[in-house]
Protein backbone atom coordinates (compact mmCIF):
# COMPACT_ATOMS: atom_id res chain seq x y z
CA UNK A 1 81.46 85.72 82.95
CA UNK A 2 80.33 89.17 84.12
CA UNK A 3 82.14 92.24 82.88
CA UNK A 4 81.94 96.04 83.02
CA UNK A 5 83.60 99.16 81.67
CA UNK A 6 84.30 101.36 84.67
CA UNK A 7 85.58 104.81 85.49
CA UNK A 8 86.25 106.62 88.73
CA UNK A 9 86.10 110.04 90.37
CA UNK A 10 87.91 111.30 93.44
CA UNK A 11 89.34 114.57 94.73
CA UNK A 12 87.82 118.02 95.00
CA UNK A 13 88.67 121.62 94.13
CA UNK A 14 92.14 121.05 95.57
CA UNK A 15 93.03 118.61 92.80
CA UNK A 16 94.95 121.24 90.87
CA UNK A 17 98.35 120.86 89.23
CA UNK A 18 100.32 123.84 87.90
CA UNK A 19 101.31 123.56 84.23
CA UNK A 20 103.04 125.84 81.74
CA UNK A 21 99.72 126.91 80.30
CA UNK A 22 97.86 127.33 83.59
CA UNK A 23 96.34 124.56 85.69
CA UNK A 24 95.11 121.06 84.98
CA UNK A 25 92.70 118.80 86.82
CA UNK A 26 90.86 121.72 88.40
CA UNK A 27 87.25 121.14 89.40
CA UNK A 28 85.90 122.71 86.23
CA UNK A 29 88.05 120.36 84.15
CA UNK A 30 86.81 117.33 86.06
CA UNK A 31 83.20 118.39 85.48
CA UNK A 32 83.93 119.09 81.82
CA UNK A 33 85.56 115.68 81.29
CA UNK A 34 82.59 113.85 82.84
CA UNK A 35 80.01 115.81 80.86
CA UNK A 36 82.00 115.32 77.64
CA UNK A 37 81.89 111.56 78.21
CA UNK A 38 78.14 111.77 78.56
CA UNK A 39 77.78 113.85 75.39
CA UNK A 40 80.12 111.57 73.45
CA UNK A 41 78.11 108.52 74.46
CA UNK A 42 81.07 106.61 75.89
CA UNK A 43 80.15 103.11 77.01
CA UNK A 44 80.41 103.25 80.81
CA UNK A 45 78.72 100.61 82.95
CA UNK A 46 79.69 101.95 86.36
CA UNK A 47 81.35 105.03 87.86
CA UNK A 48 82.87 104.54 91.32
CA UNK A 49 83.11 107.72 93.35
CA UNK A 50 84.86 109.15 96.36
CA UNK A 51 83.10 112.24 97.63
CA UNK A 52 79.42 113.23 97.56
CA UNK A 53 80.01 115.98 94.99
CA UNK A 54 81.60 113.51 92.60
CA UNK A 55 78.82 110.99 93.17
CA UNK A 56 76.16 113.61 92.46
CA UNK A 57 78.05 114.75 89.35
CA UNK A 58 78.15 111.22 87.96
CA UNK A 59 74.47 110.67 88.71
CA UNK A 60 73.48 114.00 87.15
CA UNK A 61 75.11 112.81 83.91
CA UNK A 62 73.02 109.66 83.96
CA UNK A 63 75.81 107.27 84.90
CA UNK A 64 75.31 104.27 87.16
CA UNK A 65 77.28 105.60 90.13
CA UNK A 66 78.52 103.91 93.30
CA UNK A 67 79.71 105.90 96.31
CA UNK A 68 82.70 104.20 97.95
CA UNK A 69 83.35 106.90 100.54
CA UNK A 70 81.73 110.22 101.36
CA UNK A 71 85.23 111.73 101.61
CA UNK A 72 86.67 112.87 98.30
CA UNK A 73 90.16 111.98 99.56
CA UNK A 74 90.25 108.61 101.33
CA UNK A 75 93.83 107.48 100.75
CA UNK A 76 95.86 106.71 103.89
CA UNK A 77 98.09 109.58 104.97
CA UNK A 78 101.76 108.94 104.18
CA UNK A 79 104.08 109.12 107.13
CA UNK A 80 106.67 111.85 106.99
CA UNK A 81 104.90 113.80 104.25
CA UNK A 82 103.35 117.15 105.18
CA UNK A 83 99.82 117.62 103.89
CA UNK A 84 100.92 120.47 101.62
CA UNK A 85 103.63 118.41 99.88
CA UNK A 86 103.15 117.66 96.20
CA UNK A 87 105.57 115.46 94.29
CA UNK A 88 104.88 112.89 91.60
CA UNK A 89 101.84 110.82 92.55
CA UNK A 90 101.74 112.35 96.04
CA UNK A 91 99.55 115.35 96.79
CA UNK A 92 98.61 116.65 100.23
CA UNK A 93 100.47 113.77 101.86
CA UNK A 94 98.42 111.14 100.02
CA UNK A 95 98.99 109.02 96.95
CA UNK A 96 95.94 109.82 94.83
CA UNK A 97 96.41 106.69 92.69
CA UNK A 98 95.40 104.66 95.74
CA UNK A 99 91.80 105.58 94.87
CA UNK A 100 92.12 104.03 91.42
CA UNK A 101 93.48 100.76 92.81
CA UNK A 102 90.75 100.74 95.44
CA UNK A 103 88.15 101.18 92.69
CA UNK A 104 89.62 98.21 90.82
CA UNK A 105 89.34 96.18 94.01
CA UNK A 106 85.71 97.18 94.51
CA UNK A 107 84.80 96.49 90.90
CA UNK A 108 86.52 93.08 90.91
CA UNK A 109 84.25 92.05 93.78
CA UNK A 110 81.20 92.73 91.61
CA UNK A 111 82.41 91.62 88.19
CA UNK A 112 84.61 88.82 86.91
CA UNK A 113 86.52 91.22 84.68
CA UNK A 114 86.61 94.99 84.28
CA UNK A 115 87.99 97.53 81.86
CA UNK A 116 89.11 100.80 83.39
CA UNK A 117 89.10 103.86 81.12
CA UNK A 118 90.08 107.38 82.16
CA UNK A 119 87.55 110.15 81.68
CA UNK A 120 89.66 111.71 78.93
CA UNK A 121 89.47 108.51 76.86
CA UNK A 122 86.92 108.86 74.08
CA UNK A 123 85.02 106.09 72.35
CA UNK A 124 85.08 106.75 68.61
CA UNK A 125 83.09 103.74 67.35
CA UNK A 126 80.78 101.04 68.64
CA UNK A 127 82.28 98.13 70.54
CA UNK A 128 82.87 95.19 68.19
CA UNK A 129 80.99 91.96 68.90
CA UNK A 130 84.28 90.28 69.82
CA UNK A 131 85.32 93.03 72.27
CA UNK A 132 85.04 91.15 75.57
CA UNK A 133 86.01 87.79 74.10
CA UNK A 134 89.25 89.27 72.82
CA UNK A 135 90.07 90.83 76.19
CA UNK A 136 89.29 87.66 78.15
CA UNK A 137 91.50 85.52 75.91
CA UNK A 138 94.57 87.32 77.23
CA UNK A 139 96.21 87.39 80.69
CA UNK A 140 94.61 88.77 83.86
CA UNK A 141 96.23 92.19 83.47
CA UNK A 142 96.38 94.00 80.15
CA UNK A 143 97.27 97.58 79.27
CA UNK A 144 98.76 99.41 76.27
CA UNK A 145 102.55 99.63 76.36
CA UNK A 146 103.55 103.28 76.66
CA UNK A 147 106.91 104.80 75.76
CA UNK A 148 107.62 107.62 78.21
CA UNK A 149 110.11 110.30 77.24
CA UNK A 150 112.32 110.29 80.32
CA UNK A 151 113.10 108.04 83.28
CA UNK A 152 111.33 109.55 86.29
CA UNK A 153 111.33 107.82 89.63
CA UNK A 154 107.63 108.53 90.07
CA UNK A 155 106.38 107.34 86.70
CA UNK A 156 108.79 104.85 85.11
CA UNK A 157 110.43 101.49 85.86
CA UNK A 158 113.75 102.97 87.02
CA UNK A 159 114.60 99.71 88.82
CA UNK A 160 115.29 98.06 85.45
CA UNK A 161 118.39 100.20 84.90
CA UNK A 162 121.89 99.56 86.20
CA UNK A 163 122.41 100.32 89.92
CA UNK A 164 124.70 103.25 89.07
CA UNK A 165 121.89 104.84 87.08
CA UNK A 166 119.10 104.40 89.61
CA UNK A 167 117.65 107.31 91.50
CA UNK A 168 119.53 107.33 94.78
CA UNK A 169 117.07 109.69 96.45
CA UNK A 170 114.26 107.16 96.40
CA UNK A 171 112.55 106.43 99.69
CA UNK A 172 111.54 103.01 98.42
CA UNK A 173 113.50 99.85 99.08
CA UNK A 174 114.81 97.80 96.15
CA UNK A 175 112.23 96.07 94.01
CA UNK A 176 112.39 92.46 95.16
CA UNK A 177 111.94 89.84 92.48
CA UNK A 178 113.17 91.93 89.56
CA UNK A 179 116.39 91.96 87.55
CA UNK A 180 118.56 94.81 86.33
CA UNK A 181 119.17 95.27 82.60
CA UNK A 182 122.61 96.54 81.64
CA UNK A 183 123.48 99.39 79.32
CA UNK A 184 121.32 101.25 76.86
CA UNK A 185 118.66 98.54 76.78
CA UNK A 186 118.07 99.02 80.50
CA UNK A 187 117.68 102.77 80.11
CA UNK A 188 115.20 102.29 77.28
CA UNK A 189 113.33 99.47 79.02
CA UNK A 190 112.79 101.72 82.03
CA UNK A 191 110.63 103.95 79.84
CA UNK A 192 108.30 101.15 78.76
CA UNK A 193 105.28 101.17 81.02
CA UNK A 194 101.76 99.70 81.05
CA UNK A 195 99.51 102.66 80.41
CA UNK A 196 97.11 103.52 83.20
CA UNK A 197 94.39 105.15 81.10
CA UNK A 198 93.08 101.86 79.70
CA UNK A 199 93.45 98.79 81.93
CA UNK A 200 91.83 95.37 81.69
CA UNK A 201 91.79 93.38 84.93
CA UNK A 202 90.38 89.93 85.63
CA UNK A 203 89.95 88.44 89.09
CA UNK A 204 89.86 89.78 92.62
CA UNK A 205 93.29 88.27 93.30
CA UNK A 206 94.85 90.45 90.62
CA UNK A 207 93.33 93.62 92.07
CA UNK A 208 94.40 92.65 95.60
CA UNK A 209 97.97 91.98 94.43
CA UNK A 210 98.19 95.42 92.83
CA UNK A 211 97.04 97.05 96.06
CA UNK A 212 99.55 95.01 98.05
CA UNK A 213 102.36 96.30 95.81
CA UNK A 214 101.07 99.82 96.38
CA UNK A 215 101.36 99.20 100.13
CA UNK A 216 104.98 98.11 99.63
CA UNK A 217 105.77 101.21 97.59
CA UNK A 218 103.35 103.90 98.77
CA UNK A 219 104.78 106.61 96.50
CA UNK A 220 104.30 104.69 93.26
CA UNK A 221 101.85 105.62 90.53
CA UNK A 222 99.41 103.04 89.22
CA UNK A 223 101.67 102.49 86.20
CA UNK A 224 104.68 101.72 88.41
CA UNK A 225 102.54 99.32 90.45
CA UNK A 226 101.50 97.44 87.31
CA UNK A 227 105.10 97.38 86.05
CA UNK A 228 106.30 95.79 89.31
CA UNK A 229 103.48 93.23 89.08
CA UNK A 230 104.56 92.21 85.58
CA UNK A 231 108.30 92.22 86.32
CA UNK A 232 107.74 89.94 89.28
CA UNK A 233 105.46 87.70 87.26
CA UNK A 234 108.14 87.16 84.61
CA UNK A 235 111.24 87.32 86.82
CA UNK A 236 112.27 90.65 85.32
CA UNK A 237 111.21 92.76 82.35
CA UNK A 238 109.98 90.38 79.65
CA UNK A 239 110.80 92.64 76.73
CA UNK A 240 108.52 94.58 74.39
CA UNK A 241 108.12 91.72 71.90
CA UNK A 242 107.04 89.24 74.59
CA UNK A 243 104.71 91.85 76.08
CA UNK A 244 102.96 91.99 72.73
CA UNK A 245 102.98 88.26 71.95
CA UNK A 246 101.80 87.30 75.44
CA UNK A 247 98.83 89.62 74.84
CA UNK A 248 99.44 91.92 77.77
CA UNK A 249 99.07 94.70 75.21
CA UNK A 250 95.49 95.78 74.53
CA UNK A 251 93.75 96.01 71.17
CA UNK A 252 91.77 98.97 69.88
CA UNK A 253 93.12 101.75 72.15
CA UNK A 254 95.14 104.65 70.74
CA UNK A 255 97.46 107.13 72.43
CA UNK A 256 100.37 108.74 70.67
CA UNK A 257 102.85 107.13 73.10
CA UNK A 258 101.61 103.56 72.45
CA UNK A 259 104.43 101.35 71.18
CA UNK A 260 101.88 99.09 69.45
CA UNK A 261 99.12 101.45 68.29
CA UNK A 262 96.08 100.13 66.43
CA UNK A 263 95.36 101.10 62.86
CA UNK A 264 92.66 103.74 62.31
CA UNK A 265 90.21 101.00 61.34
CA UNK A 266 90.99 99.05 64.53
CA UNK A 267 90.76 102.04 66.88
CA UNK A 268 87.73 101.99 69.19
CA UNK A 269 89.05 104.22 71.98
CA UNK A 270 91.33 107.24 71.69
CA UNK A 271 93.08 109.42 74.26
CA UNK A 272 94.51 112.72 73.07
CA UNK A 273 95.47 113.78 69.55
CA UNK A 274 97.12 111.73 66.82
CA UNK A 275 100.92 111.97 66.97
CA UNK A 276 104.13 110.50 65.62
CA UNK A 277 104.86 106.86 66.44
CA UNK A 278 107.50 106.04 69.08
CA UNK A 279 111.00 105.15 67.87
CA UNK A 280 111.30 101.57 66.64
CA UNK A 281 114.41 101.07 68.80
CA UNK A 282 112.07 100.33 71.73
CA UNK A 283 110.74 97.23 69.97
CA UNK A 284 113.95 95.36 70.85
CA UNK A 285 113.94 96.44 74.51
């Protein structure tokens, strides 16, 4: 079975988001993140790129790069959204997470299984000998289970909550094939999301299904797309415990919002600083 650890680059100098402390995801930050991965020695088998500048950047760092499109923005234009509009996963009238799903599609045509890692994910120790065997023993889609602080339409599984609590301003139709969870458990379950920074995917069919869901809900982030995939697969949210026991959760990846973080000895990949563990109340959601 062939496998690869992949990353992706898309966007240009316009990929800038205002934050309280300035701007994030500016061009200099993209370049810095890529070069830091090179200096850190992160295991990266392939970098898929949109845009010649991004392709040349990846190659200049010594990565095995593949150019998918000479345009740095290749996502289909969303109808009814002006090009200057920015909201959630939509910037300049395009959903930028489309590029990530397209990269997963391209990679799944070359490899039997792939592990996506964001460029701000750092490898802190060598891959264990059992790394790929452990990943392949689980289901076709695996990702760390994140606990997000609030229920946002753009980033969380708001469809799991009661109808009276759902965001009425959504442009998306109801999520077919999912069930609502009543009360507090529904509000908490809506915050539990497969993390998009570290995603294991096996099989072209899985990648194609994720892209099809994105076509159904063109405003969704990659995390929302994966959440819909899983909720449909299990006829509704399976619960945090079943997510863990069914091995959808990944092993060896740390982020402070992980509901099931690895121990320091188990941690191979880390994103961001060490933080407090999420509240245990989510374990029963």
